[in-house]
Amino acid sequence: MKVEALGGNKYACDFAGDGTAETIVTDGTDQPTYSGTTLSVTAESPEAWKVVCKKDGRMLLTAKWMLSKDGDTLSDNFSEISPNGTPRR
């Protein structure tokens, strides 16, 4: 995954590493993605983002993205949410 700052609270995210980037805004709102899901990203600090992915209103995963101090490494600590609502790491 590659994340590029576009200015303000907008970022281009290439999730697949194939050069197809989606623009996200780190304001906590649900935003549509190319895959038909929604993604909400909340900047908790410059280095920490809370991420929630949903499909048809059902939560699919939650994640905490942490950027290293040098800006070169992004850690993705996520949990998938099963249809019954149980988180799986």
PDB file of N, CA and C in Angstrom:
ATOM      1  N   MET A   1       0.846  -1.169   0.000  1.00  0.00           N
ATOM      2  CA  MET A   1       0.000   0.000   0.000  1.00  0.00           C
ATOM      3  C   MET A   1       0.894   1.236   0.000  1.00  0.00           C
ATOM      4  N   LYS A   2       0.484   2.222  -0.767  1.00  0.00           N
ATOM      5  CA  LYS A   2       1.217   3.484  -0.819  1.00  0.00           C
ATOM      6  C   LYS A   2       0.244   4.626  -0.561  1.00  0.00           C
ATOM      7  N   VAL A   3       0.646   5.562   0.296  1.00  0.00           N
ATOM      8  CA  VAL A   3      -0.181   6.718   0.631  1.00  0.00           C
ATOM      9  C   VAL A   3       0.602   7.976   0.277  1.00  0.00           C
ATOM     10  N   GLU A   4      -0.055   8.873  -0.444  1.00  0.00           N
ATOM     11  CA  GLU A   4       0.588  10.130  -0.845  1.00  0.00           C
ATOM     12  C   GLU A   4      -0.278  11.299  -0.410  1.00  0.00           C
ATOM     13  N   ALA A   5       0.308  12.276   0.273  1.00  0.00           N
ATOM     14  CA  ALA A   5      -0.416  13.471   0.701  1.00  0.00           C
ATOM     15  C   ALA A   5      -0.738  14.329  -0.513  1.00  0.00           C
ATOM     16  N   LEU A   6      -2.001  14.784  -0.586  1.00  0.00           N
ATOM     17  CA  LEU A   6      -2.435  15.645  -1.676  1.00  0.00           C
ATOM     18  C   LEU A   6      -2.643  17.083  -1.221  1.00  0.00           C
ATOM     19  N   GLY A   7      -2.534  17.309   0.082  1.00  0.00           N
ATOM     20  CA  GLY A   7      -2.754  18.636   0.634  1.00  0.00           C
ATOM     21  C   GLY A   7      -3.996  18.655   1.499  1.00  0.00           C
ATOM     22  N   GLY A   8      -3.969  19.487   2.522  1.00  0.00           N
ATOM     23  CA  GLY A   8      -5.082  19.521   3.457  1.00  0.00           C
ATOM     24  C   GLY A   8      -5.218  18.168   4.126  1.00  0.00           C
ATOM     25  N   ASN A   9      -6.420  17.648   4.156  1.00  0.00           N
ATOM     26  CA  ASN A   9      -6.642  16.329   4.758  1.00  0.00           C
ATOM     27  C   ASN A   9      -6.989  15.288   3.690  1.00  0.00           C
ATOM     28  N   LYS A  10      -6.488  15.493   2.452  1.00  0.00           N
ATOM     29  CA  LYS A  10      -6.720  14.560   1.349  1.00  0.00           C
ATOM     30  C   LYS A  10      -5.459  13.770   1.043  1.00  0.00           C
ATOM     31  N   TYR A  11      -5.687  12.471   0.738  1.00  0.00           N
ATOM     32  CA  TYR A  11      -4.579  11.562   0.445  1.00  0.00           C
ATOM     33  C   TYR A  11      -4.954  10.643  -0.698  1.00  0.00           C
ATOM     34  N   ALA A  12      -3.972  10.257  -1.505  1.00  0.00           N
ATOM     35  CA  ALA A  12      -4.152   9.242  -2.535  1.00  0.00           C
ATOM     36  C   ALA A  12      -3.632   7.934  -1.964  1.00  0.00           C
ATOM     37  N   CYS A  13      -4.484   6.917  -1.942  1.00  0.00           N
ATOM     38  CA  CYS A  13      -4.109   5.608  -1.402  1.00  0.00           C
ATOM     39  C   CYS A  13      -4.155   4.573  -2.513  1.00  0.00           C
ATOM     40  N   ASP A  14      -3.019   3.946  -2.746  1.00  0.00           N
ATOM     41  CA  ASP A  14      -2.914   2.846  -3.700  1.00  0.00           C
ATOM     42  C   ASP A  14      -2.882   1.576  -2.864  1.00  0.00           C
ATOM     43  N   PHE A  15      -4.048   0.965  -2.653  1.00  0.00           N
ATOM     44  CA  PHE A  15      -4.158  -0.185  -1.759  1.00  0.00           C
ATOM     45  C   PHE A  15      -3.551  -1.453  -2.358  1.00  0.00           C
ATOM     46  N   ALA A  16      -3.656  -1.614  -3.676  1.00  0.00           N
ATOM     47  CA  ALA A  16      -3.184  -2.840  -4.318  1.00  0.00           C
ATOM     48  C   ALA A  16      -1.746  -2.737  -4.801  1.00  0.00           C
ATOM     49  N   GLY A  17      -1.191  -1.536  -4.808  1.00  0.00           N
ATOM     50  CA  GLY A  17       0.171  -1.359  -5.309  1.00  0.00           C
ATOM     51  C   GLY A  17       0.257  -1.426  -6.823  1.00  0.00           C
ATOM     52  N   ASP A  18      -0.902  -1.216  -7.493  1.00  0.00           N
ATOM     53  CA  ASP A  18      -0.931  -1.321  -8.953  1.00  0.00           C
ATOM     54  C   ASP A  18      -1.020   0.030  -9.654  1.00  0.00           C
ATOM     55  N   GLY A  19      -0.874   1.114  -8.890  1.00  0.00           N
ATOM     56  CA  GLY A  19      -0.934   2.452  -9.469  1.00  0.00           C
ATOM     57  C   GLY A  19      -2.331   3.043  -9.517  1.00  0.00           C
ATOM     58  N   THR A  20      -3.354   2.287  -9.106  1.00  0.00           N
ATOM     59  CA  THR A  20      -4.726   2.786  -9.061  1.00  0.00           C
ATOM     60  C   THR A  20      -4.985   3.338  -7.670  1.00  0.00           C
ATOM     61  N   ALA A  21      -4.957   4.653  -7.559  1.00  0.00           N
ATOM     62  CA  ALA A  21      -5.109   5.282  -6.246  1.00  0.00           C
ATOM     63  C   ALA A  21      -6.531   5.795  -6.058  1.00  0.00           C
ATOM     64  N   GLU A  22      -6.990   5.695  -4.829  1.00  0.00           N
ATOM     65  CA  GLU A  22      -8.272   6.257  -4.437  1.00  0.00           C
ATOM     66  C   GLU A  22      -7.984   7.469  -3.556  1.00  0.00           C
ATOM     67  N   THR A  23      -8.774   8.515  -3.715  1.00  0.00           N
ATOM     68  CA  THR A  23      -8.616   9.695  -2.880  1.00  0.00           C
ATOM     69  C   THR A  23      -9.460   9.527  -1.632  1.00  0.00           C
ATOM     70  N   ILE A  24      -8.835   9.711  -0.478  1.00  0.00           N
ATOM     71  CA  ILE A  24      -9.565   9.660   0.782  1.00  0.00           C
ATOM     72  C   ILE A  24      -9.375  10.981   1.513  1.00  0.00           C
ATOM     73  N   VAL A  25     -10.343  11.291   2.349  1.00  0.00           N
ATOM     74  CA  VAL A  25     -10.295  12.482   3.197  1.00  0.00           C
ATOM     75  C   VAL A  25     -10.324  11.987   4.635  1.00  0.00           C
ATOM     76  N   THR A  26      -9.399  12.462   5.444  1.00  0.00           N
ATOM     77  CA  THR A  26      -9.273  11.967   6.823  1.00  0.00           C
ATOM     78  C   THR A  26     -10.170  12.757   7.774  1.00  0.00           C
ATOM     79  N   ASP A  27     -11.478  12.755   7.462  1.00  0.00           N
ATOM     80  CA  ASP A  27     -12.427  13.497   8.289  1.00  0.00           C
ATOM     81  C   ASP A  27     -13.462  12.597   8.974  1.00  0.00           C
ATOM     82  N   GLY A  28     -13.294  11.275   8.864  1.00  0.00           N
ATOM     83  CA  GLY A  28     -14.185  10.341   9.542  1.00  0.00           C
ATOM     84  C   GLY A  28     -15.486  10.042   8.825  1.00  0.00           C
ATOM     85  N   THR A  29     -15.694  10.616   7.634  1.00  0.00           N
ATOM     86  CA  THR A  29     -16.922  10.350   6.889  1.00  0.00           C
ATOM     87  C   THR A  29     -16.776   9.086   6.051  1.00  0.00           C
ATOM     88  N   ASP A  30     -17.902   8.400   5.795  1.00  0.00           N
ATOM     89  CA  ASP A  30     -17.908   7.242   4.905  1.00  0.00           C
ATOM     90  C   ASP A  30     -17.760   7.735   3.470  1.00  0.00           C
ATOM     91  N   GLN A  31     -16.748   7.207   2.775  1.00  0.00           N
ATOM     92  CA  GLN A  31     -16.473   7.619   1.408  1.00  0.00           C
ATOM     93  C   GLN A  31     -16.474   6.385   0.507  1.00  0.00           C
ATOM     94  N   PRO A  32     -17.091   6.481  -0.674  1.00  0.00           N
ATOM     95  CA  PRO A  32     -17.159   5.323  -1.569  1.00  0.00           C
ATOM     96  C   PRO A  32     -15.775   4.961  -2.114  1.00  0.00           C
ATOM     97  N   THR A  33     -15.577   3.658  -2.336  1.00  0.00           N
ATOM     98  CA  THR A  33     -14.335   3.149  -2.925  1.00  0.00           C
ATOM     99  C   THR A  33     -14.650   2.483  -4.256  1.00  0.00           C
ATOM    100  N   TYR A  34     -13.604   2.192  -5.037  1.00  0.00           N
ATOM    101  CA  TYR A  34     -13.771   1.523  -6.323  1.00  0.00           C
ATOM    102  C   TYR A  34     -14.387   0.134  -6.169  1.00  0.00           C
ATOM    103  N   SER A  35     -14.173  -0.516  -5.039  1.00  0.00           N
ATOM    104  CA  SER A  35     -14.642  -1.886  -4.846  1.00  0.00           C
ATOM    105  C   SER A  35     -16.095  -1.975  -4.374  1.00  0.00           C
ATOM    106  N   GLY A  36     -16.768  -0.826  -4.222  1.00  0.00           N
ATOM    107  CA  GLY A  36     -18.162  -0.839  -3.795  1.00  0.00           C
ATOM    108  C   GLY A  36     -18.346  -0.800  -2.290  1.00  0.00           C
ATOM    109  N   THR A  37     -17.266  -0.638  -1.563  1.00  0.00           N
ATOM    110  CA  THR A  37     -17.340  -0.489  -0.115  1.00  0.00           C
ATOM    111  C   THR A  37     -17.276   0.992   0.220  1.00  0.00           C
ATOM    112  N   THR A  38     -17.393   1.309   1.506  1.00  0.00           N
ATOM    113  CA  THR A  38     -17.098   2.667   1.959  1.00  0.00           C
ATOM    114  C   THR A  38     -15.930   2.589   2.921  1.00  0.00           C
ATOM    115  N   LEU A  39     -15.186   3.657   2.985  1.00  0.00           N
ATOM    116  CA  LEU A  39     -14.030   3.742   3.860  1.00  0.00           C
ATOM    117  C   LEU A  39     -14.116   5.047   4.625  1.00  0.00           C
ATOM    118  N   SER A  40     -13.988   4.958   5.943  1.00  0.00           N
ATOM    119  CA  SER A  40     -13.889   6.186   6.731  1.00  0.00           C
ATOM    120  C   SER A  40     -12.525   6.176   7.414  1.00  0.00           C
ATOM    121  N   VAL A  41     -11.873   7.313   7.355  1.00  0.00           N
ATOM    122  CA  VAL A  41     -10.548   7.456   7.944  1.00  0.00           C
ATOM    123  C   VAL A  41     -10.568   8.682   8.845  1.00  0.00           C
ATOM    124  N   THR A  42     -10.172   8.470  10.100  1.00  0.00           N
ATOM    125  CA  THR A  42     -10.105   9.552  11.067  1.00  0.00           C
ATOM    126  C   THR A  42      -8.660   9.719  11.495  1.00  0.00           C
ATOM    127  N   ALA A  43      -8.115  10.914  11.317  1.00  0.00           N
ATOM    128  CA  ALA A  43      -6.752  11.193  11.763  1.00  0.00           C
ATOM    129  C   ALA A  43      -6.791  11.453  13.267  1.00  0.00           C
ATOM    130  N   GLU A  44      -6.238  10.517  14.035  1.00  0.00           N
ATOM    131  CA  GLU A  44      -6.168  10.682  15.489  1.00  0.00           C
ATOM    132  C   GLU A  44      -4.945  11.500  15.882  1.00  0.00           C
ATOM    133  N   SER A  45      -3.937  11.472  15.031  1.00  0.00           N
ATOM    134  CA  SER A  45      -2.722  12.280  15.151  1.00  0.00           C
ATOM    135  C   SER A  45      -2.070  12.250  13.772  1.00  0.00           C
ATOM    136  N   PRO A  46      -1.002  13.011  13.547  1.00  0.00           N
ATOM    137  CA  PRO A  46      -0.343  12.943  12.238  1.00  0.00           C
ATOM    138  C   PRO A  46       0.190  11.550  11.896  1.00  0.00           C
ATOM    139  N   GLU A  47       0.476  10.744  12.904  1.00  0.00           N
ATOM    140  CA  GLU A  47       1.040   9.412  12.660  1.00  0.00           C
ATOM    141  C   GLU A  47       0.032   8.280  12.841  1.00  0.00           C
ATOM    142  N   ALA A  48      -1.184   8.553  13.321  1.00  0.00           N
ATOM    143  CA  ALA A  48      -2.142   7.487  13.627  1.00  0.00           C
ATOM    144  C   ALA A  48      -3.509   7.789  13.017  1.00  0.00           C
ATOM    145  N   TRP A  49      -4.007   6.828  12.227  1.00  0.00           N
ATOM    146  CA  TRP A  49      -5.320   6.947  11.623  1.00  0.00           C
ATOM    147  C   TRP A  49      -6.176   5.759  12.021  1.00  0.00           C
ATOM    148  N   LYS A  50      -7.453   6.022  12.300  1.00  0.00           N
ATOM    149  CA  LYS A  50      -8.439   4.967  12.532  1.00  0.00           C
ATOM    150  C   LYS A  50      -9.186   4.771  11.221  1.00  0.00           C
ATOM    151  N   VAL A  51      -9.314   3.513  10.784  1.00  0.00           N
ATOM    152  CA  VAL A  51      -9.912   3.188   9.498  1.00  0.00           C
ATOM    153  C   VAL A  51     -11.066   2.205   9.712  1.00  0.00           C
ATOM    154  N   VAL A  52     -12.193   2.457   9.050  1.00  0.00           N
ATOM    155  CA  VAL A  52     -13.337   1.548   9.092  1.00  0.00           C
ATOM    156  C   VAL A  52     -13.812   1.331   7.660  1.00  0.00           C
ATOM    157  N   CYS A  53     -13.937   0.059   7.278  1.00  0.00           N
ATOM    158  CA  CYS A  53     -14.436  -0.303   5.950  1.00  0.00           C
ATOM    159  C   CYS A  53     -15.795  -0.977   6.119  1.00  0.00           C
ATOM    160  N   LYS A  54     -16.765  -0.554   5.277  1.00  0.00           N
ATOM    161  CA  LYS A  54     -18.122  -1.110   5.346  1.00  0.00           C
ATOM    162  C   LYS A  54     -18.599  -1.513   3.951  1.00  0.00           C
ATOM    163  N   LYS A  55     -19.531  -2.448   3.926  1.00  0.00           N
ATOM    164  CA  LYS A  55     -20.216  -2.843   2.692  1.00  0.00           C
ATOM    165  C   LYS A  55     -21.699  -2.897   3.012  1.00  0.00           C
ATOM    166  N   ASP A  56     -22.505  -2.136   2.285  1.00  0.00           N
ATOM    167  CA  ASP A  56     -23.944  -2.066   2.520  1.00  0.00           C
ATOM    168  C   ASP A  56     -24.263  -1.770   3.984  1.00  0.00           C
ATOM    169  N   GLY A  57     -23.475  -0.900   4.600  1.00  0.00           N
ATOM    170  CA  GLY A  57     -23.693  -0.481   5.981  1.00  0.00           C
ATOM    171  C   GLY A  57     -23.131  -1.417   7.038  1.00  0.00           C
ATOM    172  N   ARG A  58     -22.666  -2.619   6.640  1.00  0.00           N
ATOM    173  CA  ARG A  58     -22.107  -3.583   7.599  1.00  0.00           C
ATOM    174  C   ARG A  58     -20.598  -3.413   7.678  1.00  0.00           C
ATOM    175  N   MET A  59     -20.078  -3.320   8.887  1.00  0.00           N
ATOM    176  CA  MET A  59     -18.648  -3.151   9.094  1.00  0.00           C
ATOM    177  C   MET A  59     -17.907  -4.428   8.678  1.00  0.00           C
ATOM    178  N   LEU A  60     -16.902  -4.266   7.806  1.00  0.00           N
ATOM    179  CA  LEU A  60     -16.086  -5.389   7.348  1.00  0.00           C
ATOM    180  C   LEU A  60     -14.765  -5.482   8.092  1.00  0.00           C
ATOM    181  N   LEU A  61     -14.205  -4.308   8.413  1.00  0.00           N
ATOM    182  CA  LEU A  61     -12.944  -4.299   9.151  1.00  0.00           C
ATOM    183  C   LEU A  61     -12.730  -2.970   9.823  1.00  0.00           C
ATOM    184  N   THR A  62     -11.930  -3.020  10.869  1.00  0.00           N
ATOM    185  CA  THR A  62     -11.439  -1.816  11.531  1.00  0.00           C
ATOM    186  C   THR A  62      -9.924  -1.924  11.554  1.00  0.00           C
ATOM    187  N   ALA A  63      -9.276  -0.795  11.512  1.00  0.00           N
ATOM    188  CA  ALA A  63      -7.813  -0.813  11.484  1.00  0.00           C
ATOM    189  C   ALA A  63      -7.256   0.426  12.154  1.00  0.00           C
ATOM    190  N   LYS A  64      -6.032   0.294  12.598  1.00  0.00           N
ATOM    191  CA  LYS A  64      -5.255   1.428  13.098  1.00  0.00           C
ATOM    192  C   LYS A  64      -4.008   1.472  12.228  1.00  0.00           C
ATOM    193  N   TRP A  65      -3.869   2.544  11.465  1.00  0.00           N
ATOM    194  CA  TRP A  65      -2.685   2.730  10.633  1.00  0.00           C
ATOM    195  C   TRP A  65      -1.726   3.635  11.390  1.00  0.00           C
ATOM    196  N   MET A  66      -0.495   3.189  11.524  1.00  0.00           N
ATOM    197  CA  MET A  66       0.543   3.955  12.228  1.00  0.00           C
ATOM    198  C   MET A  66       1.695   4.209  11.266  1.00  0.00           C
ATOM    199  N   LEU A  67       2.064   5.464  11.119  1.00  0.00           N
ATOM    200  CA  LEU A  67       3.189   5.857  10.273  1.00  0.00           C
ATOM    201  C   LEU A  67       4.423   6.039  11.139  1.00  0.00           C
ATOM    202  N   SER A  68       5.535   5.481  10.675  1.00  0.00           N
ATOM    203  CA  SER A  68       6.786   5.633  11.421  1.00  0.00           C
ATOM    204  C   SER A  68       7.205   7.101  11.443  1.00  0.00           C
ATOM    205  N   LYS A  69       8.021   7.462  12.413  1.00  0.00           N
ATOM    206  CA  LYS A  69       8.471   8.855  12.561  1.00  0.00           C
ATOM    207  C   LYS A  69       9.194   9.361  11.313  1.00  0.00           C
ATOM    208  N   ASP A  70       9.920   8.457  10.606  1.00  0.00           N
ATOM    209  CA  ASP A  70      10.635   8.885   9.401  1.00  0.00           C
ATOM    210  C   ASP A  70       9.730   8.916   8.167  1.00  0.00           C
ATOM    211  N   GLY A  71       8.474   8.469   8.317  1.00  0.00           N
ATOM    212  CA  GLY A  71       7.517   8.520   7.225  1.00  0.00           C
ATOM    213  C   GLY A  71       7.683   7.441   6.174  1.00  0.00           C
ATOM    214  N   ASP A  72       8.532   6.456   6.432  1.00  0.00           N
ATOM    215  CA  ASP A  72       8.809   5.426   5.434  1.00  0.00           C
ATOM    216  C   ASP A  72       8.047   4.123   5.618  1.00  0.00           C
ATOM    217  N   THR A  73       7.474   3.890   6.797  1.00  0.00           N
ATOM    218  CA  THR A  73       6.828   2.610   7.072  1.00  0.00           C
ATOM    219  C   THR A  73       5.430   2.833   7.634  1.00  0.00           C
ATOM    220  N   LEU A  74       4.458   2.136   7.041  1.00  0.00           N
ATOM    221  CA  LEU A  74       3.083   2.189   7.504  1.00  0.00           C
ATOM    222  C   LEU A  74       2.709   0.836   8.079  1.00  0.00           C
ATOM    223  N   SER A  75       2.312   0.805   9.344  1.00  0.00           N
ATOM    224  CA  SER A  75       1.846  -0.423   9.984  1.00  0.00           C
ATOM    225  C   SER A  75       0.325  -0.454   9.902  1.00  0.00           C
ATOM    226  N   ASP A  76      -0.228  -1.613   9.574  1.00  0.00           N
ATOM    227  CA  ASP A  76      -1.665  -1.784   9.426  1.00  0.00           C
ATOM    228  C   ASP A  76      -2.120  -2.857  10.407  1.00  0.00           C
ATOM    229  N   ASN A  77      -2.602  -2.442  11.576  1.00  0.00           N
ATOM    230  CA  ASN A  77      -3.098  -3.362  12.595  1.00  0.00           C
ATOM    231  C   ASN A  77      -4.610  -3.419  12.440  1.00  0.00           C
ATOM    232  N   PHE A  78      -5.118  -4.503  11.815  1.00  0.00           N
ATOM    233  CA  PHE A  78      -6.541  -4.548  11.498  1.00  0.00           C
ATOM    234  C   PHE A  78      -7.225  -5.791  12.041  1.00  0.00           C
ATOM    235  N   SER A  79      -8.539  -5.690  12.150  1.00  0.00           N
ATOM    236  CA  SER A  79      -9.395  -6.813  12.519  1.00  0.00           C
ATOM    237  C   SER A  79     -10.526  -6.893  11.513  1.00  0.00           C
ATOM    238  N   GLU A  80     -10.717  -8.074  10.934  1.00  0.00           N
ATOM    239  CA  GLU A  80     -11.876  -8.308  10.084  1.00  0.00           C
ATOM    240  C   GLU A  80     -13.072  -8.540  10.994  1.00  0.00           C
ATOM    241  N   ILE A  81     -14.245  -8.150  10.536  1.00  0.00           N
ATOM    242  CA  ILE A  81     -15.461  -8.333  11.314  1.00  0.00           C
ATOM    243  C   ILE A  81     -16.319  -9.371  10.584  1.00  0.00           C
ATOM    244  N   SER A  82     -16.595 -10.490  11.246  1.00  0.00           N
ATOM    245  CA  SER A  82     -17.406 -11.545  10.642  1.00  0.00           C
ATOM    246  C   SER A  82     -18.857 -11.080  10.536  1.00  0.00           C
ATOM    247  N   PRO A  83     -19.679 -11.746   9.721  1.00  0.00           N
ATOM    248  CA  PRO A  83     -21.085 -11.339   9.577  1.00  0.00           C
ATOM    249  C   PRO A  83     -21.861 -11.290  10.890  1.00  0.00           C
ATOM    250  N   ASN A  84     -21.431 -12.073  11.892  1.00  0.00           N
ATOM    251  CA  ASN A  84     -22.144 -12.036  13.184  1.00  0.00           C
ATOM    252  C   ASN A  84     -21.594 -10.945  14.102  1.00  0.00           C
ATOM    253  N   GLY A  85     -20.620 -10.156  13.616  1.00  0.00           N
ATOM    254  CA  GLY A  85     -20.086  -9.034  14.378  1.00  0.00           C
ATOM    255  C   GLY A  85     -18.852  -9.344  15.211  1.00  0.00           C
ATOM    256  N   THR A  86     -18.357 -10.570  15.129  1.00  0.00           N
ATOM    257  CA  THR A  86     -17.181 -10.969  15.899  1.00  0.00           C
ATOM    258  C   THR A  86     -15.898 -10.532  15.188  1.00  0.00           C
ATOM    259  N   PRO A  87     -15.009  -9.798  15.858  1.00  0.00           N
ATOM    260  CA  PRO A  87     -13.751  -9.412  15.220  1.00  0.00           C
ATOM    261  C   PRO A  87     -12.790 -10.598  15.108  1.00  0.00           C
ATOM    262  N   ARG A  88     -12.056 -10.639  13.975  1.00  0.00           N
ATOM    263  CA  ARG A  88     -11.015 -11.648  13.752  1.00  0.00           C
ATOM    264  C   ARG A  88      -9.739 -10.929  13.347  1.00  0.00           C
ATOM    265  N   ARG A  89      -8.653 -11.233  14.037  1.00  0.00           N
ATOM    266  CA  ARG A  89      -7.365 -10.626  13.695  1.00  0.00           C
ATOM    267  C   ARG A  89      -6.613 -11.484  12.726  1.00  0.00           C
TER     268      ARG A  89
END
